[in-house]
């Protein structure tokens, strides 16, 4: 009995922050396996697996060490007119991590946890968002989404550029989602 207790005493304890960093790494592996987003050009992509529920991947920006994107279905929330469900993601190429900065356009982190939340609440909120992202990515893989089903969407010149200047669009609130 004492050998079992001493064996558990030697195992390091993982902090909530450490657990969150692990989620980021797992989500990077899942997302990279599905869509290789670091290799995609800026633009809009659709993945169709024939179930009538197309997945939309917006590559908002490609930087040297990060990619900013939004993952959503081609569905709109009837109240806000925004895509729902929706997750804004930041992929860190060098750290091999993906962070869900916020989920659902109508609810910024400030709306959910307030302007000055305690650090433990911020970590808890991020853990919930990134756990959701991990489960969603697993579901997408099970449904058959991936590079083979992903195709770029051509921009209609008659429509405004969704990433153009002056549009709050997909990039809004990406800079401050702590």
C-alpha atoms as a PDB file:
ATOM      1  CA  UNK A   1       0.000   0.000   0.000  1.00  0.00           C
ATOM      2  CA  UNK A   2       2.791   2.424   0.853  1.00  0.00           C
ATOM      3  CA  UNK A   3       4.583   1.707  -2.461  1.00  0.00           C
ATOM      4  CA  UNK A   4       1.462   2.736  -4.404  1.00  0.00           C
ATOM      5  CA  UNK A   5       1.144   5.947  -2.404  1.00  0.00           C
ATOM      6  CA  UNK A   6       4.823   6.781  -2.836  1.00  0.00           C
ATOM      7  CA  UNK A   7       4.554   6.137  -6.606  1.00  0.00           C
ATOM      8  CA  UNK A   8       1.725   8.704  -6.873  1.00  0.00           C
ATOM      9  CA  UNK A   9       3.673  11.163  -4.736  1.00  0.00           C
ATOM     10  CA  UNK A  10       6.475  11.125  -7.330  1.00  0.00           C
ATOM     11  CA  UNK A  11       4.165  12.010 -10.238  1.00  0.00           C
ATOM     12  CA  UNK A  12       4.365  15.708 -11.066  1.00  0.00           C
ATOM     13  CA  UNK A  13       1.130  17.643 -10.814  1.00  0.00           C
ATOM     14  CA  UNK A  14       0.021  19.523 -13.901  1.00  0.00           C
ATOM     15  CA  UNK A  15      -1.183  23.059 -13.254  1.00  0.00           C
ATOM     16  CA  UNK A  16      -4.282  24.409 -14.999  1.00  0.00           C
ATOM     17  CA  UNK A  17      -1.992  26.553 -17.147  1.00  0.00           C
ATOM     18  CA  UNK A  18       0.069  23.486 -18.071  1.00  0.00           C
ATOM     19  CA  UNK A  19      -3.132  21.637 -18.928  1.00  0.00           C
ATOM     20  CA  UNK A  20      -4.202  24.549 -21.171  1.00  0.00           C
ATOM     21  CA  UNK A  21      -0.857  24.510 -23.002  1.00  0.00           C
ATOM     22  CA  UNK A  22      -1.377  20.766 -23.532  1.00  0.00           C
ATOM     23  CA  UNK A  23      -4.810  21.477 -25.060  1.00  0.00           C
ATOM     24  CA  UNK A  24      -3.219  24.031 -27.388  1.00  0.00           C
ATOM     25  CA  UNK A  25      -0.670  21.443 -28.543  1.00  0.00           C
ATOM     26  CA  UNK A  26      -3.309  18.723 -29.044  1.00  0.00           C
ATOM     27  CA  UNK A  27      -5.495  21.120 -31.038  1.00  0.00           C
ATOM     28  CA  UNK A  28      -2.511  22.085 -33.206  1.00  0.00           C
ATOM     29  CA  UNK A  29      -1.965  18.429 -34.055  1.00  0.00           C
ATOM     30  CA  UNK A  30      -5.660  17.888 -34.848  1.00  0.00           C
ATOM     31  CA  UNK A  31      -6.040  21.037 -36.965  1.00  0.00           C
ATOM     32  CA  UNK A  32      -2.774  20.477 -38.833  1.00  0.00           C
ATOM     33  CA  UNK A  33      -3.756  16.885 -39.591  1.00  0.00           C
ATOM     34  CA  UNK A  34      -7.134  18.039 -40.919  1.00  0.00           C
ATOM     35  CA  UNK A  35      -6.340  21.128 -42.995  1.00  0.00           C
ATOM     36  CA  UNK A  36      -2.609  22.069 -42.846  1.00  0.00           C
ATOM     37  CA  UNK A  37      -3.620  25.712 -42.277  1.00  0.00           C
ATOM     38  CA  UNK A  38      -0.031  26.993 -42.211  1.00  0.00           C
ATOM     39  CA  UNK A  39       0.183  26.099 -45.911  1.00  0.00           C
ATOM     40  CA  UNK A  40      -3.100  27.784 -46.940  1.00  0.00           C
ATOM     41  CA  UNK A  41      -3.168  31.210 -48.536  1.00  0.00           C
ATOM     42  CA  UNK A  42      -5.294  33.988 -47.094  1.00  0.00           C
ATOM     43  CA  UNK A  43      -8.906  33.465 -48.193  1.00  0.00           C
ATOM     44  CA  UNK A  44     -12.091  31.488 -47.710  1.00  0.00           C
ATOM     45  CA  UNK A  45     -12.287  27.694 -48.006  1.00  0.00           C
ATOM     46  CA  UNK A  46     -15.211  25.271 -47.848  1.00  0.00           C
ATOM     47  CA  UNK A  47     -15.145  21.613 -46.895  1.00  0.00           C
ATOM     48  CA  UNK A  48     -18.081  19.569 -48.165  1.00  0.00           C
ATOM     49  CA  UNK A  49     -18.517  15.949 -47.084  1.00  0.00           C
ATOM     50  CA  UNK A  50     -21.976  15.556 -48.631  1.00  0.00           C
ATOM     51  CA  UNK A  51     -23.988  15.895 -45.423  1.00  0.00           C
ATOM     52  CA  UNK A  52     -25.470  19.295 -46.345  1.00  0.00           C
ATOM     53  CA  UNK A  53     -23.487  21.031 -43.607  1.00  0.00           C
ATOM     54  CA  UNK A  54     -20.519  22.722 -45.255  1.00  0.00           C
ATOM     55  CA  UNK A  55     -17.609  23.736 -43.067  1.00  0.00           C
ATOM     56  CA  UNK A  56     -16.072  27.136 -43.720  1.00  0.00           C
ATOM     57  CA  UNK A  57     -12.440  27.948 -42.950  1.00  0.00           C
ATOM     58  CA  UNK A  58     -11.459  31.613 -43.253  1.00  0.00           C
ATOM     59  CA  UNK A  59      -7.716  32.203 -43.303  1.00  0.00           C
ATOM     60  CA  UNK A  60      -7.758  35.798 -42.115  1.00  0.00           C
ATOM     61  CA  UNK A  61      -4.019  36.449 -41.993  1.00  0.00           C
ATOM     62  CA  UNK A  62      -0.806  34.537 -42.567  1.00  0.00           C
ATOM     63  CA  UNK A  63       2.201  35.859 -40.669  1.00  0.00           C
ATOM     64  CA  UNK A  64       5.705  34.454 -40.351  1.00  0.00           C
ATOM     65  CA  UNK A  65       5.010  32.706 -37.037  1.00  0.00           C
ATOM     66  CA  UNK A  66       1.205  32.749 -36.791  1.00  0.00           C
ATOM     67  CA  UNK A  67      -1.936  32.133 -38.799  1.00  0.00           C
ATOM     68  CA  UNK A  68      -5.229  33.711 -37.788  1.00  0.00           C
ATOM     69  CA  UNK A  69      -8.398  31.991 -38.913  1.00  0.00           C
ATOM     70  CA  UNK A  70     -12.067  31.358 -38.250  1.00  0.00           C
ATOM     71  CA  UNK A  71     -13.711  27.959 -38.343  1.00  0.00           C
ATOM     72  CA  UNK A  72     -17.483  27.850 -38.772  1.00  0.00           C
ATOM     73  CA  UNK A  73     -20.352  26.166 -40.541  1.00  0.00           C
ATOM     74  CA  UNK A  74     -22.162  27.895 -43.392  1.00  0.00           C
ATOM     75  CA  UNK A  75     -25.023  28.630 -40.943  1.00  0.00           C
ATOM     76  CA  UNK A  76     -26.129  31.963 -39.532  1.00  0.00           C
ATOM     77  CA  UNK A  77     -27.443  32.853 -36.107  1.00  0.00           C
ATOM     78  CA  UNK A  78     -30.983  34.207 -36.700  1.00  0.00           C
ATOM     79  CA  UNK A  79     -30.506  36.941 -34.061  1.00  0.00           C
ATOM     80  CA  UNK A  80     -27.091  38.318 -35.032  1.00  0.00           C
ATOM     81  CA  UNK A  81     -26.763  37.176 -38.650  1.00  0.00           C
ATOM     82  CA  UNK A  82     -23.252  35.958 -37.802  1.00  0.00           C
ATOM     83  CA  UNK A  83     -21.931  32.431 -38.436  1.00  0.00           C
ATOM     84  CA  UNK A  84     -22.718  30.025 -35.598  1.00  0.00           C
ATOM     85  CA  UNK A  85     -21.014  27.972 -34.248  1.00  0.00           C
ATOM     86  CA  UNK A  86     -17.853  29.901 -34.860  1.00  0.00           C
ATOM     87  CA  UNK A  87     -14.353  29.783 -33.411  1.00  0.00           C
ATOM     88  CA  UNK A  88     -11.555  32.261 -34.013  1.00  0.00           C
ATOM     89  CA  UNK A  89      -8.185  30.538 -33.922  1.00  0.00           C
ATOM     90  CA  UNK A  90      -4.574  31.586 -33.737  1.00  0.00           C
ATOM     91  CA  UNK A  91      -2.054  28.990 -34.889  1.00  0.00           C
ATOM     92  CA  UNK A  92       1.501  29.423 -33.571  1.00  0.00           C
ATOM     93  CA  UNK A  93       3.817  27.786 -36.116  1.00  0.00           C
ATOM     94  CA  UNK A  94       6.990  27.811 -34.021  1.00  0.00           C
ATOM     95  CA  UNK A  95       5.346  26.633 -30.769  1.00  0.00           C
ATOM     96  CA  UNK A  96       3.094  24.051 -32.499  1.00  0.00           C
ATOM     97  CA  UNK A  97       0.006  25.317 -30.692  1.00  0.00           C
ATOM     98  CA  UNK A  98      -3.505  26.465 -31.657  1.00  0.00           C
ATOM     99  CA  UNK A  99      -5.429  28.797 -29.402  1.00  0.00           C
ATOM    100  CA  UNK A 100      -9.174  29.406 -29.680  1.00  0.00           C
ATOM    101  CA  UNK A 101      -9.191  33.142 -28.961  1.00  0.00           C
ATOM    102  CA  UNK A 102     -12.966  33.279 -28.810  1.00  0.00           C
ATOM    103  CA  UNK A 103     -16.000  31.315 -29.854  1.00  0.00           C
ATOM    104  CA  UNK A 104     -19.175  32.761 -31.323  1.00  0.00           C
ATOM    105  CA  UNK A 105     -18.946  36.267 -32.716  1.00  0.00           C
ATOM    106  CA  UNK A 106     -21.694  37.793 -30.575  1.00  0.00           C
ATOM    107  CA  UNK A 107     -19.958  36.932 -27.310  1.00  0.00           C
ATOM    108  CA  UNK A 108     -16.512  38.408 -26.853  1.00  0.00           C
ATOM    109  CA  UNK A 109     -14.503  37.326 -23.844  1.00  0.00           C
ATOM    110  CA  UNK A 110     -15.335  40.627 -22.135  1.00  0.00           C
ATOM    111  CA  UNK A 111     -19.062  39.837 -22.474  1.00  0.00           C
ATOM    112  CA  UNK A 112     -18.589  36.405 -20.935  1.00  0.00           C
ATOM    113  CA  UNK A 113     -16.170  36.987 -18.059  1.00  0.00           C
ATOM    114  CA  UNK A 114     -16.059  40.785 -17.679  1.00  0.00           C
ATOM    115  CA  UNK A 115     -13.376  43.385 -18.284  1.00  0.00           C
ATOM    116  CA  UNK A 116     -11.095  42.580 -15.345  1.00  0.00           C
ATOM    117  CA  UNK A 117     -11.571  38.909 -14.468  1.00  0.00           C
ATOM    118  CA  UNK A 118      -9.268  37.158 -12.028  1.00  0.00           C
ATOM    119  CA  UNK A 119      -6.552  35.060 -13.755  1.00  0.00           C
ATOM    120  CA  UNK A 120      -8.154  31.774 -12.686  1.00  0.00           C
ATOM    121  CA  UNK A 121     -11.364  32.765 -14.465  1.00  0.00           C
ATOM    122  CA  UNK A 122      -9.473  33.646 -17.661  1.00  0.00           C
ATOM    123  CA  UNK A 123      -7.704  30.254 -17.593  1.00  0.00           C
ATOM    124  CA  UNK A 124     -11.031  28.467 -16.958  1.00  0.00           C
ATOM    125  CA  UNK A 125     -12.695  30.292 -19.859  1.00  0.00           C
ATOM    126  CA  UNK A 126      -9.838  29.455 -22.204  1.00  0.00           C
ATOM    127  CA  UNK A 127      -9.907  25.826 -21.087  1.00  0.00           C
ATOM    128  CA  UNK A 128     -13.631  25.601 -21.940  1.00  0.00           C
ATOM    129  CA  UNK A 129     -13.151  27.197 -25.380  1.00  0.00           C
ATOM    130  CA  UNK A 130     -10.173  25.031 -26.281  1.00  0.00           C
ATOM    131  CA  UNK A 131     -11.819  21.848 -24.979  1.00  0.00           C
ATOM    132  CA  UNK A 132     -14.774  22.701 -27.238  1.00  0.00           C
ATOM    133  CA  UNK A 133     -12.365  23.228 -30.150  1.00  0.00           C
ATOM    134  CA  UNK A 134     -10.682  19.863 -29.555  1.00  0.00           C
ATOM    135  CA  UNK A 135     -14.018  18.038 -29.533  1.00  0.00           C
ATOM    136  CA  UNK A 136     -15.166  19.892 -32.646  1.00  0.00           C
ATOM    137  CA  UNK A 137     -11.960  19.021 -34.516  1.00  0.00           C
ATOM    138  CA  UNK A 138     -12.349  15.351 -33.556  1.00  0.00           C
ATOM    139  CA  UNK A 139     -15.950  15.424 -34.791  1.00  0.00           C
ATOM    140  CA  UNK A 140     -14.897  17.021 -38.094  1.00  0.00           C
ATOM    141  CA  UNK A 141     -12.286  14.307 -38.633  1.00  0.00           C
ATOM    142  CA  UNK A 142     -14.865  11.599 -37.898  1.00  0.00           C
ATOM    143  CA  UNK A 143     -17.253  13.167 -40.443  1.00  0.00           C
ATOM    144  CA  UNK A 144     -14.524  13.023 -43.119  1.00  0.00           C
ATOM    145  CA  UNK A 145     -13.451  16.675 -43.384  1.00  0.00           C
ATOM    146  CA  UNK A 146      -9.859  17.252 -44.445  1.00  0.00           C
ATOM    147  CA  UNK A 147      -7.573  18.516 -47.189  1.00  0.00           C
ATOM    148  CA  UNK A 148      -9.280  16.245 -49.731  1.00  0.00           C
ATOM    149  CA  UNK A 149     -12.642  17.941 -49.122  1.00  0.00           C
ATOM    150  CA  UNK A 150     -11.322  21.517 -48.769  1.00  0.00           C
ATOM    151  CA  UNK A 151     -11.636  23.860 -51.746  1.00  0.00           C
ATOM    152  CA  UNK A 152     -11.038  27.603 -52.087  1.00  0.00           C
ATOM    153  CA  UNK A 153     -14.039  29.872 -52.617  1.00  0.00           C
ATOM    154  CA  UNK A 154     -13.608  32.399 -55.393  1.00  0.00           C
ATOM    155  CA  UNK A 155     -14.288  35.991 -54.370  1.00  0.00           C
ATOM    156  CA  UNK A 156     -17.151  37.649 -56.255  1.00  0.00           C
ATOM    157  CA  UNK A 157     -15.919  41.118 -57.315  1.00  0.00           C
ATOM    158  CA  UNK A 158     -19.487  42.447 -57.004  1.00  0.00           C
ATOM    159  CA  UNK A 159     -19.410  41.641 -53.270  1.00  0.00           C
ATOM    160  CA  UNK A 160     -17.288  43.549 -50.747  1.00  0.00           C
ATOM    161  CA  UNK A 161     -14.053  41.849 -49.731  1.00  0.00           C
ATOM    162  CA  UNK A 162     -14.743  40.148 -46.383  1.00  0.00           C
ATOM    163  CA  UNK A 163     -11.154  40.896 -45.317  1.00  0.00           C
ATOM    164  CA  UNK A 164     -10.913  44.345 -46.886  1.00  0.00           C
ATOM    165  CA  UNK A 165     -10.132  47.635 -45.162  1.00  0.00           C
ATOM    166  CA  UNK A 166     -12.840  49.169 -43.031  1.00  0.00           C
ATOM    167  CA  UNK A 167     -14.621  45.872 -42.476  1.00  0.00           C
ATOM    168  CA  UNK A 168     -14.666  44.720 -38.874  1.00  0.00           C
ATOM    169  CA  UNK A 169     -15.343  41.260 -40.305  1.00  0.00           C
ATOM    170  CA  UNK A 170     -13.496  38.130 -39.235  1.00  0.00           C
ATOM    171  CA  UNK A 171     -10.483  39.948 -37.858  1.00  0.00           C
ATOM    172  CA  UNK A 172     -12.317  41.931 -35.216  1.00  0.00           C
ATOM    173  CA  UNK A 173     -11.201  41.446 -31.648  1.00  0.00           C
ATOM    174  CA  UNK A 174      -8.259  39.219 -32.594  1.00  0.00           C
ATOM    175  CA  UNK A 175      -5.690  41.558 -31.115  1.00  0.00           C
ATOM    176  CA  UNK A 176      -7.142  41.599 -27.597  1.00  0.00           C
ATOM    177  CA  UNK A 177      -8.449  38.220 -26.594  1.00  0.00           C
ATOM    178  CA  UNK A 178      -6.510  37.565 -23.433  1.00  0.00           C
END
